Amino acid sequence: MARTTKTPEYALTAQYQSPTMERTFTHPMKSPARAGSSTSEKMAHLAELRASVTHLQDQVNTLLTQRMDEEKRAGQGGGASKGDQQKAAGNEDIGDDGDGEDELQ
């Protein structure tokens, strides 16, 4: 009886975690170039890898955009102001306090 071996499936995977959600994104790929592969085979693999990364980035960006939109809708009227968000992110306006002199705070 002949033995059959299953070729392992390769995939590029990205994980997103937040306090309220965990998501895994996967994009299937052909098997990687093997030792002794020709330059053109290695370049083809790198091109596939680059395309897979871009695909996963698009998926993650879509999820994050949807979450931001949901949070905006949920927080309309009671959300933090842009200034509060900037301060929380460490992007305070420095200096312009209206007195004409710029100084570090």
Protein backbone atom coordinates (compact mmCIF):
# COMPACT_ATOMS: atom_id res chain seq x y z
CA MET A 1 0.00 0.00 0.00
CA ALA A 2 1.35 3.42 -0.93
CA ARG A 3 1.73 6.00 1.80
CA THR A 4 0.45 9.45 1.08
CA THR A 5 1.73 12.45 2.89
CA LYS A 6 -0.22 15.61 3.21
CA THR A 7 1.69 18.74 2.25
CA PRO A 8 1.61 21.16 5.17
CA GLU A 9 -0.46 24.24 4.56
CA TYR A 10 1.28 27.55 5.14
CA ALA A 11 -0.43 30.75 6.13
CA LEU A 12 0.43 34.23 7.30
CA THR A 13 -1.40 35.01 10.54
CA ALA A 14 -2.02 38.24 12.44
CA GLN A 15 -3.68 38.56 15.83
CA TYR A 16 -5.60 41.53 17.22
CA GLN A 17 -6.33 41.76 20.92
CA SER A 18 -8.15 44.40 22.92
CA PRO A 19 -9.80 44.29 26.33
CA THR A 20 -13.13 43.47 24.65
CA MET A 21 -12.16 41.49 21.57
CA GLU A 22 -9.72 39.01 20.15
CA ARG A 23 -9.49 38.26 16.44
CA THR A 24 -7.14 36.16 14.32
CA PHE A 25 -6.64 36.95 10.64
CA THR A 26 -5.19 34.31 8.32
CA HIS A 27 -4.14 34.41 4.69
CA PRO A 28 -3.11 31.11 3.04
CA MET A 29 0.21 30.95 1.22
CA LYS A 30 2.11 28.49 -0.91
CA SER A 31 4.92 26.69 0.84
CA PRO A 32 8.04 28.79 1.37
CA ALA A 33 11.03 28.63 -0.93
CA ARG A 34 13.34 25.83 0.09
CA ALA A 35 17.08 25.87 0.53
CA GLY A 36 18.64 25.67 -2.89
CA SER A 37 15.68 27.34 -4.59
CA SER A 38 16.43 29.50 -7.56
CA THR A 39 16.54 33.26 -7.19
CA SER A 40 13.30 33.59 -9.16
CA GLU A 41 11.53 31.13 -6.82
CA LYS A 42 12.74 33.08 -3.78
CA MET A 43 11.64 36.37 -5.33
CA ALA A 44 8.23 34.88 -6.13
CA HIS A 45 7.86 33.78 -2.50
CA LEU A 46 8.80 37.24 -1.22
CA ALA A 47 6.30 38.84 -3.60
CA GLU A 48 3.59 36.50 -2.30
CA LEU A 49 4.58 37.30 1.28
CA ARG A 50 4.40 41.04 0.61
CA ALA A 51 0.93 40.67 -0.98
CA SER A 52 -0.24 38.57 1.98
CA VAL A 53 0.94 41.19 4.47
CA THR A 54 -0.92 43.88 2.55
CA HIS A 55 -4.06 41.71 2.52
CA LEU A 56 -3.89 41.21 6.30
CA GLN A 57 -3.30 44.93 6.86
CA ASP A 58 -6.45 45.67 4.87
CA GLN A 59 -8.45 43.21 6.98
CA VAL A 60 -7.17 44.66 10.27
CA ASN A 61 -7.79 48.24 9.08
CA THR A 62 -11.34 47.34 8.09
CA LEU A 63 -12.01 45.87 11.54
CA LEU A 64 -10.53 48.88 13.33
CA THR A 65 -12.50 51.32 11.19
CA GLN A 66 -15.72 49.45 11.96
CA ARG A 67 -14.92 49.49 15.69
CA MET A 68 -14.17 53.23 15.62
CA ASP A 69 -17.47 53.90 13.85
CA GLU A 70 -19.34 51.78 16.41
CA GLU A 71 -17.67 53.62 19.28
CA LYS A 72 -18.53 56.98 17.72
CA ARG A 73 -22.18 56.00 17.37
CA ALA A 74 -22.29 54.64 20.92
CA GLY A 75 -20.63 57.72 22.39
CA GLN A 76 -22.39 60.51 20.50
CA GLY A 77 -23.01 63.39 22.84
CA GLY A 78 -21.14 61.90 25.77
CA GLY A 79 -17.73 61.23 24.30
CA ALA A 80 -14.46 62.93 25.09
CA SER A 81 -13.60 66.10 23.24
CA LYS A 82 -10.77 66.19 20.73
CA GLY A 83 -8.64 68.07 23.25
CA ASP A 84 -9.28 65.42 25.90
CA GLN A 85 -8.36 62.69 23.40
CA GLN A 86 -5.12 64.51 22.49
CA LYS A 87 -4.17 64.93 26.13
CA ALA A 88 -4.81 61.25 26.78
CA ALA A 89 -2.57 60.43 23.83
CA GLY A 90 0.15 62.81 25.06
CA ASN A 91 -0.40 65.38 22.31
CA GLU A 92 -1.09 68.45 24.43
CA ASP A 93 -0.84 71.86 22.83
CA ILE A 94 2.30 73.41 24.26
CA GLY A 95 2.79 77.10 24.60
CA ASP A 96 -0.12 78.93 22.98
CA ASP A 97 -1.97 80.19 26.03
CA GLY A 98 -3.05 83.38 24.33
CA ASP A 99 -0.55 85.72 25.96
CA GLY A 100 1.65 86.02 22.87
CA GLU A 101 4.59 84.25 24.47
CA ASP A 102 5.40 80.64 23.75
CA GLU A 103 6.68 78.68 26.68
CA LEU A 104 7.02 75.05 27.58
CA GLN A 105 4.67 73.81 30.25
